[in-house]
Structures are given as structure tokens and as C-alpha cells.
Amino acid sequence: MYLGRVVGCVWATVKDPSLEGQRMLVIQPLTPDLRDTGKRLICLDTTGAGAGETIYWVRGKEASFPFLPKEPPVDTTVVGIVDSVHLQSPAPPAASPPAAAGRKSPRKGRSC
């Protein structure tokens, strides 16, 4: 699943019959910290998402699963509306213990 933001909608009067009555949205993909990334794309909508909402979407064969038993010709589908995103900041690297003075390496032979 991927994060995105709804930035528009698409109206098509001529389309595949299995797409009749389906909403198509223009989505701006987002990074986990909600910054724009990549090119905009068109997704079918199963959630009723509106302009400006943060959503998550799927691509590939899974994009047609919400419409079963019909299988519309879609590559991307909005499957959820995001209420909030919580990220943990990465932990600082752990300090390694200082090497004991005067100890020899347990390796024998040449050093790298």
C-alpha cells in the first residue's frame, strides 16, 4: 500500500463498460512523512475520498479486488482514508564500548 493525497478528479464519458458509475481520482503520491513524491496518477475510488484528503492506495492485481466479482481494468485503487500518520524518529546509533587497552584481537593471522 502507498500513501497519497487527492488533488483532483477525472470525468470520462467514454470508458470501459465495467467502469460505469466508478469515481476516478487524481492522486499525488506521498512519502511516509507526507511529502510529495513521484508523478500524479489516476486511481479508482472505493472510499468516497474528497479533495485534499490523505489516502492509501494499492496497485497491480490487488487494485481490482474491491470490485469482485467484477474485475474492472484498473491498475490503482484508493482503498482507505488516512486519519493520521505517526512516525517515530530513528534512534541514534548505539555507542560501541571502548576497546580495552592492551588487549589483542582474537583473530589470528593477517588483519584486513
PDB file of N, CA and C in Angstrom:
ATOM      1  N   MET A   1       0.831  -1.176   0.000  1.00  0.00           N
ATOM      2  CA  MET A   1       0.000   0.000   0.000  1.00  0.00           C
ATOM      3  C   MET A   1       0.877   1.240   0.000  1.00  0.00           C
ATOM      4  N   TYR A   2       0.349   2.287  -0.556  1.00  0.00           N
ATOM      5  CA  TYR A   2       1.077   3.534  -0.694  1.00  0.00           C
ATOM      6  C   TYR A   2       0.227   4.689  -0.175  1.00  0.00           C
ATOM      7  N   LEU A   3       0.883   5.737   0.294  1.00  0.00           N
ATOM      8  CA  LEU A   3       0.169   6.934   0.731  1.00  0.00           C
ATOM      9  C   LEU A   3       0.031   7.908  -0.428  1.00  0.00           C
ATOM     10  N   GLY A   4      -1.027   8.714  -0.403  1.00  0.00           N
ATOM     11  CA  GLY A   4      -1.237   9.721  -1.431  1.00  0.00           C
ATOM     12  C   GLY A   4      -2.202  10.789  -0.942  1.00  0.00           C
ATOM     13  N   ARG A   5      -2.369  11.830  -1.752  1.00  0.00           N
ATOM     14  CA  ARG A   5      -3.314  12.903  -1.448  1.00  0.00           C
ATOM     15  C   ARG A   5      -4.174  13.134  -2.679  1.00  0.00           C
ATOM     16  N   VAL A   6      -5.470  13.272  -2.463  1.00  0.00           N
ATOM     17  CA  VAL A   6      -6.397  13.522  -3.568  1.00  0.00           C
ATOM     18  C   VAL A   6      -6.206  14.967  -4.025  1.00  0.00           C
ATOM     19  N   VAL A   7      -5.895  15.154  -5.315  1.00  0.00           N
ATOM     20  CA  VAL A   7      -5.684  16.501  -5.843  1.00  0.00           C
ATOM     21  C   VAL A   7      -6.653  16.847  -6.966  1.00  0.00           C
ATOM     22  N   GLY A   8      -7.514  15.904  -7.340  1.00  0.00           N
ATOM     23  CA  GLY A   8      -8.471  16.189  -8.394  1.00  0.00           C
ATOM     24  C   GLY A   8      -9.304  14.977  -8.743  1.00  0.00           C
ATOM     25  N   CYS A   9     -10.160  15.132  -9.740  1.00  0.00           N
ATOM     26  CA  CYS A   9     -10.973  14.011 -10.202  1.00  0.00           C
ATOM     27  C   CYS A   9     -10.978  13.999 -11.729  1.00  0.00           C
ATOM     28  N   VAL A  10     -11.385  12.863 -12.266  1.00  0.00           N
ATOM     29  CA  VAL A  10     -11.407  12.680 -13.719  1.00  0.00           C
ATOM     30  C   VAL A  10     -12.829  12.349 -14.131  1.00  0.00           C
ATOM     31  N   TRP A  11     -13.309  13.008 -15.172  1.00  0.00           N
ATOM     32  CA  TRP A  11     -14.606  12.700 -15.752  1.00  0.00           C
ATOM     33  C   TRP A  11     -14.358  12.111 -17.125  1.00  0.00           C
ATOM     34  N   ALA A  12     -14.944  10.947 -17.385  1.00  0.00           N
ATOM     35  CA  ALA A  12     -14.791  10.308 -18.689  1.00  0.00           C
ATOM     36  C   ALA A  12     -16.157   9.831 -19.162  1.00  0.00           C
ATOM     37  N   THR A  13     -16.618  10.336 -20.296  1.00  0.00           N
ATOM     38  CA  THR A  13     -17.922   9.924 -20.804  1.00  0.00           C
ATOM     39  C   THR A  13     -17.817   8.642 -21.612  1.00  0.00           C
ATOM     40  N   VAL A  14     -16.644   8.385 -22.181  1.00  0.00           N
ATOM     41  CA  VAL A  14     -16.434   7.150 -22.939  1.00  0.00           C
ATOM     42  C   VAL A  14     -15.370   6.351 -22.207  1.00  0.00           C
ATOM     43  N   LYS A  15     -15.747   5.150 -21.746  1.00  0.00           N
ATOM     44  CA  LYS A  15     -14.824   4.304 -20.987  1.00  0.00           C
ATOM     45  C   LYS A  15     -15.290   2.861 -21.057  1.00  0.00           C
ATOM     46  N   ASP A  16     -14.493   1.959 -20.535  1.00  0.00           N
ATOM     47  CA  ASP A  16     -14.849   0.549 -20.468  1.00  0.00           C
ATOM     48  C   ASP A  16     -16.168   0.405 -19.704  1.00  0.00           C
ATOM     49  N   PRO A  17     -17.078  -0.424 -20.176  1.00  0.00           N
ATOM     50  CA  PRO A  17     -18.378  -0.564 -19.500  1.00  0.00           C
ATOM     51  C   PRO A  17     -18.274  -0.952 -18.021  1.00  0.00           C
ATOM     52  N   SER A  18     -17.233  -1.676 -17.629  1.00  0.00           N
ATOM     53  CA  SER A  18     -17.103  -2.073 -16.221  1.00  0.00           C
ATOM     54  C   SER A  18     -16.712  -0.894 -15.322  1.00  0.00           C
ATOM     55  N   LEU A  19     -16.373   0.246 -15.921  1.00  0.00           N
ATOM     56  CA  LEU A  19     -16.039   1.439 -15.140  1.00  0.00           C
ATOM     57  C   LEU A  19     -17.224   2.374 -14.964  1.00  0.00           C
ATOM     58  N   GLU A  20     -18.386   2.012 -15.533  1.00  0.00           N
ATOM     59  CA  GLU A  20     -19.583   2.846 -15.390  1.00  0.00           C
ATOM     60  C   GLU A  20     -19.928   3.016 -13.914  1.00  0.00           C
ATOM     61  N   GLY A  21     -20.147   4.259 -13.504  1.00  0.00           N
ATOM     62  CA  GLY A  21     -20.536   4.546 -12.127  1.00  0.00           C
ATOM     63  C   GLY A  21     -19.383   4.582 -11.138  1.00  0.00           C
ATOM     64  N   GLN A  22     -18.159   4.375 -11.592  1.00  0.00           N
ATOM     65  CA  GLN A  22     -16.994   4.388 -10.701  1.00  0.00           C
ATOM     66  C   GLN A  22     -16.361   5.774 -10.701  1.00  0.00           C
ATOM     67  N   ARG A  23     -15.900   6.226  -9.508  1.00  0.00           N
ATOM     68  CA  ARG A  23     -15.202   7.517  -9.404  1.00  0.00           C
ATOM     69  C   ARG A  23     -13.722   7.319  -9.690  1.00  0.00           C
ATOM     70  N   MET A  24     -13.148   8.257 -10.436  1.00  0.00           N
ATOM     71  CA  MET A  24     -11.718   8.243 -10.715  1.00  0.00           C
ATOM     72  C   MET A  24     -11.112   9.512 -10.118  1.00  0.00           C
ATOM     73  N   LEU A  25     -10.043   9.353  -9.352  1.00  0.00           N
ATOM     74  CA  LEU A  25      -9.400  10.473  -8.667  1.00  0.00           C
ATOM     75  C   LEU A  25      -7.966  10.646  -9.138  1.00  0.00           C
ATOM     76  N   VAL A  26      -7.501  11.887  -9.128  1.00  0.00           N
ATOM     77  CA  VAL A  26      -6.090  12.185  -9.396  1.00  0.00           C
ATOM     78  C   VAL A  26      -5.397  12.199  -8.041  1.00  0.00           C
ATOM     79  N   ILE A  27      -4.338  11.399  -7.913  1.00  0.00           N
ATOM     80  CA  ILE A  27      -3.630  11.211  -6.644  1.00  0.00           C
ATOM     81  C   ILE A  27      -2.181  11.655  -6.773  1.00  0.00           C
ATOM     82  N   GLN A  28      -1.704  12.407  -5.781  1.00  0.00           N
ATOM     83  CA  GLN A  28      -0.292  12.765  -5.676  1.00  0.00           C
ATOM     84  C   GLN A  28       0.332  11.798  -4.668  1.00  0.00           C
ATOM     85  N   PRO A  29       1.245  10.915  -5.107  1.00  0.00           N
ATOM     86  CA  PRO A  29       1.891  10.011  -4.156  1.00  0.00           C
ATOM     87  C   PRO A  29       2.676  10.793  -3.091  1.00  0.00           C
ATOM     88  N   LEU A  30       2.742  10.227  -1.875  1.00  0.00           N
ATOM     89  CA  LEU A  30       3.413  10.870  -0.746  1.00  0.00           C
ATOM     90  C   LEU A  30       4.423   9.923  -0.113  1.00  0.00           C
ATOM     91  N   THR A  31       5.439  10.500   0.510  1.00  0.00           N
ATOM     92  CA  THR A  31       6.377   9.728   1.319  1.00  0.00           C
ATOM     93  C   THR A  31       5.723   9.475   2.679  1.00  0.00           C
ATOM     94  N   PRO A  32       6.291   8.595   3.519  1.00  0.00           N
ATOM     95  CA  PRO A  32       5.714   8.364   4.842  1.00  0.00           C
ATOM     96  C   PRO A  32       5.616   9.629   5.696  1.00  0.00           C
ATOM     97  N   ASP A  33       6.491  10.613   5.458  1.00  0.00           N
ATOM     98  CA  ASP A  33       6.398  11.865   6.213  1.00  0.00           C
ATOM     99  C   ASP A  33       5.556  12.910   5.462  1.00  0.00           C
ATOM    100  N   LEU A  34       4.731  12.437   4.519  1.00  0.00           N
ATOM    101  CA  LEU A  34       3.715  13.216   3.806  1.00  0.00           C
ATOM    102  C   LEU A  34       4.253  14.310   2.893  1.00  0.00           C
ATOM    103  N   ARG A  35       5.422  14.076   2.302  1.00  0.00           N
ATOM    104  CA  ARG A  35       5.950  14.982   1.282  1.00  0.00           C
ATOM    105  C   ARG A  35       5.651  14.406  -0.098  1.00  0.00           C
ATOM    106  N   ASP A  36       5.389  15.291  -1.071  1.00  0.00           N
ATOM    107  CA  ASP A  36       5.099  14.846  -2.435  1.00  0.00           C
ATOM    108  C   ASP A  36       6.277  14.062  -3.002  1.00  0.00           C
ATOM    109  N   THR A  37       5.958  13.001  -3.746  1.00  0.00           N
ATOM    110  CA  THR A  37       6.986  12.217  -4.413  1.00  0.00           C
ATOM    111  C   THR A  37       6.387  11.607  -5.676  1.00  0.00           C
ATOM    112  N   GLY A  38       7.143  11.552  -6.737  1.00  0.00           N
ATOM    113  CA  GLY A  38       6.681  10.913  -7.961  1.00  0.00           C
ATOM    114  C   GLY A  38       5.628  11.685  -8.717  1.00  0.00           C
ATOM    115  N   LYS A  39       5.206  11.071  -9.820  1.00  0.00           N
ATOM    116  CA  LYS A  39       4.201  11.685 -10.697  1.00  0.00           C
ATOM    117  C   LYS A  39       2.794  11.373 -10.199  1.00  0.00           C
ATOM    118  N   ARG A  40       1.876  12.265 -10.519  1.00  0.00           N
ATOM    119  CA  ARG A  40       0.475  12.046 -10.172  1.00  0.00           C
ATOM    120  C   ARG A  40      -0.080  10.878 -10.986  1.00  0.00           C
ATOM    121  N   LEU A  41      -1.105  10.230 -10.455  1.00  0.00           N
ATOM    122  CA  LEU A  41      -1.703   9.097 -11.135  1.00  0.00           C
ATOM    123  C   LEU A  41      -3.209   9.110 -10.938  1.00  0.00           C
ATOM    124  N   ILE A  42      -3.895   8.253 -11.663  1.00  0.00           N
ATOM    125  CA  ILE A  42      -5.346   8.169 -11.569  1.00  0.00           C
ATOM    126  C   ILE A  42      -5.699   6.847 -10.908  1.00  0.00           C
ATOM    127  N   CYS A  43      -6.556   6.927  -9.878  1.00  0.00           N
ATOM    128  CA  CYS A  43      -6.998   5.741  -9.147  1.00  0.00           C
ATOM    129  C   CYS A  43      -8.517   5.662  -9.166  1.00  0.00           C
ATOM    130  N   LEU A  44      -9.056   4.455  -9.215  1.00  0.00           N
ATOM    131  CA  LEU A  44     -10.470   4.271  -8.950  1.00  0.00           C
ATOM    132  C   LEU A  44     -10.659   4.429  -7.450  1.00  0.00           C
ATOM    133  N   ASP A  45     -11.821   4.905  -7.026  1.00  0.00           N
ATOM    134  CA  ASP A  45     -12.061   5.182  -5.609  1.00  0.00           C
ATOM    135  C   ASP A  45     -13.112   4.237  -5.048  1.00  0.00           C
ATOM    136  N   THR A  46     -12.809   3.592  -3.912  1.00  0.00           N
ATOM    137  CA  THR A  46     -13.780   2.736  -3.236  1.00  0.00           C
ATOM    138  C   THR A  46     -14.225   3.327  -1.909  1.00  0.00           C
ATOM    139  N   THR A  47     -13.720   4.518  -1.559  1.00  0.00           N
ATOM    140  CA  THR A  47     -13.920   5.047  -0.214  1.00  0.00           C
ATOM    141  C   THR A  47     -14.748   6.318  -0.137  1.00  0.00           C
ATOM    142  N   GLY A  48     -14.906   7.022  -1.231  1.00  0.00           N
ATOM    143  CA  GLY A  48     -15.585   8.308  -1.199  1.00  0.00           C
ATOM    144  C   GLY A  48     -14.670   9.431  -0.761  1.00  0.00           C
ATOM    145  N   ALA A  49     -13.361   9.284  -0.991  1.00  0.00           N
ATOM    146  CA  ALA A  49     -12.378  10.305  -0.603  1.00  0.00           C
ATOM    147  C   ALA A  49     -12.635  11.605  -1.359  1.00  0.00           C
ATOM    148  N   GLY A  50     -12.334  12.718  -0.680  1.00  0.00           N
ATOM    149  CA  GLY A  50     -12.534  14.029  -1.280  1.00  0.00           C
ATOM    150  C   GLY A  50     -11.233  14.770  -1.477  1.00  0.00           C
ATOM    151  N   ALA A  51     -11.308  15.913  -2.129  1.00  0.00           N
ATOM    152  CA  ALA A  51     -10.136  16.725  -2.430  1.00  0.00           C
ATOM    153  C   ALA A  51      -9.360  17.068  -1.166  1.00  0.00           C
ATOM    154  N   GLY A  52      -8.042  16.900  -1.223  1.00  0.00           N
ATOM    155  CA  GLY A  52      -7.164  17.250  -0.122  1.00  0.00           C
ATOM    156  C   GLY A  52      -6.992  16.164   0.916  1.00  0.00           C
ATOM    157  N   GLU A  53      -7.784  15.097   0.864  1.00  0.00           N
ATOM    158  CA  GLU A  53      -7.665  14.049   1.875  1.00  0.00           C
ATOM    159  C   GLU A  53      -6.447  13.169   1.613  1.00  0.00           C
ATOM    160  N   THR A  54      -5.847  12.701   2.702  1.00  0.00           N
ATOM    161  CA  THR A  54      -4.743  11.746   2.618  1.00  0.00           C
ATOM    162  C   THR A  54      -5.368  10.358   2.550  1.00  0.00           C
ATOM    163  N   ILE A  55      -4.897   9.554   1.611  1.00  0.00           N
ATOM    164  CA  ILE A  55      -5.474   8.233   1.371  1.00  0.00           C
ATOM    165  C   ILE A  55      -4.350   7.209   1.281  1.00  0.00           C
ATOM    166  N   TYR A  56      -4.727   5.931   1.259  1.00  0.00           N
ATOM    167  CA  TYR A  56      -3.755   4.929   0.855  1.00  0.00           C
ATOM    168  C   TYR A  56      -4.344   4.141  -0.302  1.00  0.00           C
ATOM    169  N   TRP A  57      -3.462   3.706  -1.179  1.00  0.00           N
ATOM    170  CA  TRP A  57      -3.864   3.084  -2.422  1.00  0.00           C
ATOM    171  C   TRP A  57      -3.008   1.869  -2.710  1.00  0.00           C
ATOM    172  N   VAL A  58      -3.536   0.997  -3.552  1.00  0.00           N
ATOM    173  CA  VAL A  58      -2.809  -0.206  -3.956  1.00  0.00           C
ATOM    174  C   VAL A  58      -2.655  -0.200  -5.466  1.00  0.00           C
ATOM    175  N   ARG A  59      -1.709  -1.000  -5.929  1.00  0.00           N
ATOM    176  CA  ARG A  59      -1.509  -1.100  -7.374  1.00  0.00           C
ATOM    177  C   ARG A  59      -1.391  -2.564  -7.760  1.00  0.00           C
ATOM    178  N   GLY A  60      -1.578  -2.817  -9.039  1.00  0.00           N
ATOM    179  CA  GLY A  60      -1.459  -4.182  -9.546  1.00  0.00           C
ATOM    180  C   GLY A  60      -2.777  -4.933  -9.472  1.00  0.00           C
ATOM    181  N   LYS A  61      -2.702  -6.247  -9.472  1.00  0.00           N
ATOM    182  CA  LYS A  61      -3.891  -7.107  -9.461  1.00  0.00           C
ATOM    183  C   LYS A  61      -4.797  -6.796  -8.268  1.00  0.00           C
ATOM    184  N   GLU A  62      -4.189  -6.466  -7.111  1.00  0.00           N
ATOM    185  CA  GLU A  62      -4.963  -6.169  -5.907  1.00  0.00           C
ATOM    186  C   GLU A  62      -5.894  -4.972  -6.093  1.00  0.00           C
ATOM    187  N   ALA A  63      -5.615  -4.118  -7.054  1.00  0.00           N
ATOM    188  CA  ALA A  63      -6.440  -2.934  -7.293  1.00  0.00           C
ATOM    189  C   ALA A  63      -7.853  -3.312  -7.741  1.00  0.00           C
ATOM    190  N   SER A  64      -8.042  -4.497  -8.308  1.00  0.00           N
ATOM    191  CA  SER A  64      -9.383  -4.898  -8.758  1.00  0.00           C
ATOM    192  C   SER A  64     -10.140  -5.670  -7.681  1.00  0.00           C
ATOM    193  N   PHE A  65      -9.498  -6.096  -6.594  1.00  0.00           N
ATOM    194  CA  PHE A  65     -10.155  -6.916  -5.578  1.00  0.00           C
ATOM    195  C   PHE A  65     -11.372  -6.259  -4.926  1.00  0.00           C
ATOM    196  N   PRO A  66     -11.372  -4.943  -4.644  1.00  0.00           N
ATOM    197  CA  PRO A  66     -12.564  -4.369  -4.013  1.00  0.00           C
ATOM    198  C   PRO A  66     -13.820  -4.439  -4.877  1.00  0.00           C
ATOM    199  N   PHE A  67     -13.681  -4.730  -6.149  1.00  0.00           N
ATOM    200  CA  PHE A  67     -14.817  -4.716  -7.063  1.00  0.00           C
ATOM    201  C   PHE A  67     -15.318  -6.112  -7.413  1.00  0.00           C
ATOM    202  N   LEU A  68     -14.743  -7.146  -6.786  1.00  0.00           N
ATOM    203  CA  LEU A  68     -15.141  -8.517  -7.098  1.00  0.00           C
ATOM    204  C   LEU A  68     -16.638  -8.693  -6.877  1.00  0.00           C
ATOM    205  N   PRO A  69     -17.345  -9.456  -7.677  1.00  0.00           N
ATOM    206  CA  PRO A  69     -16.837 -10.388  -8.678  1.00  0.00           C
ATOM    207  C   PRO A  69     -16.469  -9.735 -10.016  1.00  0.00           C
ATOM    208  N   LYS A  70     -16.812  -8.436 -10.183  1.00  0.00           N
ATOM    209  CA  LYS A  70     -16.365  -7.758 -11.404  1.00  0.00           C
ATOM    210  C   LYS A  70     -14.857  -7.543 -11.302  1.00  0.00           C
ATOM    211  N   GLU A  71     -14.203  -7.481 -12.426  1.00  0.00           N
ATOM    212  CA  GLU A  71     -12.778  -7.179 -12.462  1.00  0.00           C
ATOM    213  C   GLU A  71     -12.528  -6.069 -13.466  1.00  0.00           C
ATOM    214  N   PRO A  72     -12.737  -4.814 -13.032  1.00  0.00           N
ATOM    215  CA  PRO A  72     -12.524  -3.706 -13.970  1.00  0.00           C
ATOM    216  C   PRO A  72     -11.041  -3.587 -14.334  1.00  0.00           C
ATOM    217  N   PRO A  73     -10.755  -3.036 -15.500  1.00  0.00           N
ATOM    218  CA  PRO A  73      -9.365  -2.900 -15.943  1.00  0.00           C
ATOM    219  C   PRO A  73      -8.672  -1.729 -15.236  1.00  0.00           C
ATOM    220  N   VAL A  74      -8.275  -1.935 -13.977  1.00  0.00           N
ATOM    221  CA  VAL A  74      -7.617  -0.883 -13.193  1.00  0.00           C
ATOM    222  C   VAL A  74      -6.254  -1.353 -12.722  1.00  0.00           C
ATOM    223  N   ASP A  75      -5.360  -0.406 -12.577  1.00  0.00           N
ATOM    224  CA  ASP A  75      -4.025  -0.702 -12.061  1.00  0.00           C
ATOM    225  C   ASP A  75      -3.839  -0.109 -10.669  1.00  0.00           C
ATOM    226  N   THR A  76      -4.639   0.909 -10.304  1.00  0.00           N
ATOM    227  CA  THR A  76      -4.516   1.558  -8.996  1.00  0.00           C
ATOM    228  C   THR A  76      -5.901   1.856  -8.437  1.00  0.00           C
ATOM    229  N   THR A  77      -6.064   1.644  -7.113  1.00  0.00           N
ATOM    230  CA  THR A  77      -7.348   1.886  -6.452  1.00  0.00           C
ATOM    231  C   THR A  77      -7.124   2.468  -5.069  1.00  0.00           C
ATOM    232  N   VAL A  78      -7.905   3.484  -4.710  1.00  0.00           N
ATOM    233  CA  VAL A  78      -7.903   4.036  -3.357  1.00  0.00           C
ATOM    234  C   VAL A  78      -8.678   3.057  -2.489  1.00  0.00           C
ATOM    235  N   VAL A  79      -8.055   2.569  -1.394  1.00  0.00           N
ATOM    236  CA  VAL A  79      -8.710   1.588  -0.534  1.00  0.00           C
ATOM    237  C   VAL A  79      -8.908   2.077   0.894  1.00  0.00           C
ATOM    238  N   GLY A  80      -8.421   3.275   1.229  1.00  0.00           N
ATOM    239  CA  GLY A  80      -8.618   3.784   2.578  1.00  0.00           C
ATOM    240  C   GLY A  80      -8.339   5.262   2.687  1.00  0.00           C
ATOM    241  N   ILE A  81      -8.970   5.881   3.693  1.00  0.00           N
ATOM    242  CA  ILE A  81      -8.730   7.286   4.011  1.00  0.00           C
ATOM    243  C   ILE A  81      -7.931   7.322   5.309  1.00  0.00           C
ATOM    244  N   VAL A  82      -6.832   8.069   5.307  1.00  0.00           N
ATOM    245  CA  VAL A  82      -5.925   8.118   6.454  1.00  0.00           C
ATOM    246  C   VAL A  82      -6.378   9.206   7.421  1.00  0.00           C
ATOM    247  N   ASP A  83      -6.548   8.842   8.685  1.00  0.00           N
ATOM    248  CA  ASP A  83      -6.894   9.824   9.716  1.00  0.00           C
ATOM    249  C   ASP A  83      -5.652  10.527  10.239  1.00  0.00           C
ATOM    250  N   SER A  84      -4.584   9.774  10.486  1.00  0.00           N
ATOM    251  CA  SER A  84      -3.341  10.375  10.974  1.00  0.00           C
ATOM    252  C   SER A  84      -2.181   9.431  10.696  1.00  0.00           C
ATOM    253  N   VAL A  85      -0.987  10.001  10.694  1.00  0.00           N
ATOM    254  CA  VAL A  85       0.249   9.239  10.495  1.00  0.00           C
ATOM    255  C   VAL A  85       1.180   9.573  11.644  1.00  0.00           C
ATOM    256  N   HIS A  86       1.688   8.563  12.311  1.00  0.00           N
ATOM    257  CA  HIS A  86       2.620   8.761  13.421  1.00  0.00           C
ATOM    258  C   HIS A  86       3.927   8.065  13.073  1.00  0.00           C
ATOM    259  N   LEU A  87       4.987   8.831  13.034  1.00  0.00           N
ATOM    260  CA  LEU A  87       6.309   8.279  12.735  1.00  0.00           C
ATOM    261  C   LEU A  87       7.202   8.431  13.952  1.00  0.00           C
ATOM    262  N   GLN A  88       7.990   7.410  14.215  1.00  0.00           N
ATOM    263  CA  GLN A  88       8.994   7.521  15.256  1.00  0.00           C
ATOM    264  C   GLN A  88      10.273   7.989  14.598  1.00  0.00           C
ATOM    265  N   SER A  89      10.945   8.934  15.261  1.00  0.00           N
ATOM    266  CA  SER A  89      12.224   9.354  14.712  1.00  0.00           C
ATOM    267  C   SER A  89      13.225   8.238  14.984  1.00  0.00           C
ATOM    268  N   PRO A  90      14.143   8.017  14.059  1.00  0.00           N
ATOM    269  CA  PRO A  90      15.094   6.922  14.230  1.00  0.00           C
ATOM    270  C   PRO A  90      15.947   7.130  15.474  1.00  0.00           C
ATOM    271  N   ALA A  91      16.214   6.038  16.174  1.00  0.00           N
ATOM    272  CA  ALA A  91      17.036   6.098  17.377  1.00  0.00           C
ATOM    273  C   ALA A  91      18.471   6.400  16.985  1.00  0.00           C
ATOM    274  N   PRO A  92      19.174   7.192  17.796  1.00  0.00           N
ATOM    275  CA  PRO A  92      20.580   7.452  17.477  1.00  0.00           C
ATOM    276  C   PRO A  92      21.363   6.151  17.566  1.00  0.00           C
ATOM    277  N   PRO A  93      22.403   6.024  16.753  1.00  0.00           N
ATOM    278  CA  PRO A  93      23.184   4.783  16.779  1.00  0.00           C
ATOM    279  C   PRO A  93      23.786   4.571  18.163  1.00  0.00           C
ATOM    280  N   ALA A  94      23.747   3.332  18.601  1.00  0.00           N
ATOM    281  CA  ALA A  94      24.297   2.991  19.918  1.00  0.00           C
ATOM    282  C   ALA A  94      25.815   3.125  19.877  1.00  0.00           C
ATOM    283  N   ALA A  95      26.353   3.709  20.933  1.00  0.00           N
ATOM    284  CA  ALA A  95      27.812   3.859  21.017  1.00  0.00           C
ATOM    285  C   ALA A  95      28.420   2.505  21.345  1.00  0.00           C
ATOM    286  N   SER A  96      29.465   2.150  20.606  1.00  0.00           N
ATOM    287  CA  SER A  96      30.131   0.881  20.892  1.00  0.00           C
ATOM    288  C   SER A  96      31.067   1.082  22.081  1.00  0.00           C
ATOM    289  N   PRO A  97      31.202   0.048  22.907  1.00  0.00           N
ATOM    290  CA  PRO A  97      32.072   0.186  24.078  1.00  0.00           C
ATOM    291  C   PRO A  97      33.517   0.392  23.646  1.00  0.00           C
ATOM    292  N   PRO A  98      34.271   1.195  24.389  1.00  0.00           N
ATOM    293  CA  PRO A  98      35.665   1.425  24.007  1.00  0.00           C
ATOM    294  C   PRO A  98      36.466   0.136  24.126  1.00  0.00           C
ATOM    295  N   ALA A  99      37.419  -0.010  23.210  1.00  0.00           N
ATOM    296  CA  ALA A  99      38.272  -1.214  23.232  1.00  0.00           C
ATOM    297  C   ALA A  99      39.186  -1.152  24.439  1.00  0.00           C
ATOM    298  N   ALA A 100      39.346  -2.304  25.068  1.00  0.00           N
ATOM    299  CA  ALA A 100      40.221  -2.368  26.248  1.00  0.00           C
ATOM    300  C   ALA A 100      41.666  -2.193  25.802  1.00  0.00           C
ATOM    301  N   ALA A 101      42.404  -1.388  26.535  1.00  0.00           N
ATOM    302  CA  ALA A 101      43.797  -1.122  26.182  1.00  0.00           C
ATOM    303  C   ALA A 101      44.633  -2.368  26.421  1.00  0.00           C
ATOM    304  N   GLY A 102      45.510  -2.629  25.497  1.00  0.00           N
ATOM    305  CA  GLY A 102      46.457  -3.718  25.655  1.00  0.00           C
ATOM    306  C   GLY A 102      45.918  -5.083  25.268  1.00  0.00           C
ATOM    307  N   ARG A 103      44.653  -5.190  24.903  1.00  0.00           N
ATOM    308  CA  ARG A 103      44.122  -6.493  24.505  1.00  0.00           C
ATOM    309  C   ARG A 103      44.418  -6.729  23.039  1.00  0.00           C
ATOM    310  N   LYS A 104      44.735  -7.942  22.723  1.00  0.00           N
ATOM    311  CA  LYS A 104      44.984  -8.310  21.335  1.00  0.00           C
ATOM    312  C   LYS A 104      43.683  -8.800  20.716  1.00  0.00           C
ATOM    313  N   SER A 105      43.597  -8.630  19.439  1.00  0.00           N
ATOM    314  CA  SER A 105      42.438  -9.085  18.713  1.00  0.00           C
ATOM    315  C   SER A 105      42.364 -10.607  18.778  1.00  0.00           C
ATOM    316  N   PRO A 106      41.144 -11.169  18.891  1.00  0.00           N
ATOM    317  CA  PRO A 106      41.038 -12.623  18.943  1.00  0.00           C
ATOM    318  C   PRO A 106      41.343 -13.266  17.593  1.00  0.00           C
ATOM    319  N   ARG A 107      41.433 -12.488  16.541  1.00  0.00           N
ATOM    320  CA  ARG A 107      41.741 -13.029  15.224  1.00  0.00           C
ATOM    321  C   ARG A 107      43.226 -13.328  15.128  1.00  0.00           C
ATOM    322  N   LYS A 108      43.543 -14.381  14.478  1.00  0.00           N
ATOM    323  CA  LYS A 108      44.938 -14.718  14.234  1.00  0.00           C
ATOM    324  C   LYS A 108      45.216 -14.548  12.762  1.00  0.00           C
ATOM    325  N   GLY A 109      46.398 -14.290  12.427  1.00  0.00           N
ATOM    326  CA  GLY A 109      46.757 -14.124  11.027  1.00  0.00           C
ATOM    327  C   GLY A 109      46.747 -12.664  10.624  1.00  0.00           C
ATOM    328  N   ARG A 110      46.595 -12.436   9.318  1.00  0.00           N
ATOM    329  CA  ARG A 110      46.635 -11.076   8.789  1.00  0.00           C
ATOM    330  C   ARG A 110      45.390 -10.286   9.166  1.00  0.00           C
ATOM    331  N   SER A 111      45.580  -8.992   9.311  1.00  0.00           N
ATOM    332  CA  SER A 111      44.430  -8.112   9.534  1.00  0.00           C
ATOM    333  C   SER A 111      43.998  -7.533   8.197  1.00  0.00           C
ATOM    334  N   CYS A 112      42.770  -7.134   8.093  1.00  0.00           N
ATOM    335  CA  CYS A 112      42.239  -6.597   6.840  1.00  0.00           C
ATOM    336  C   CYS A 112      42.605  -5.159   6.664  1.00  0.00           C
TER     337      CYS A 112
END
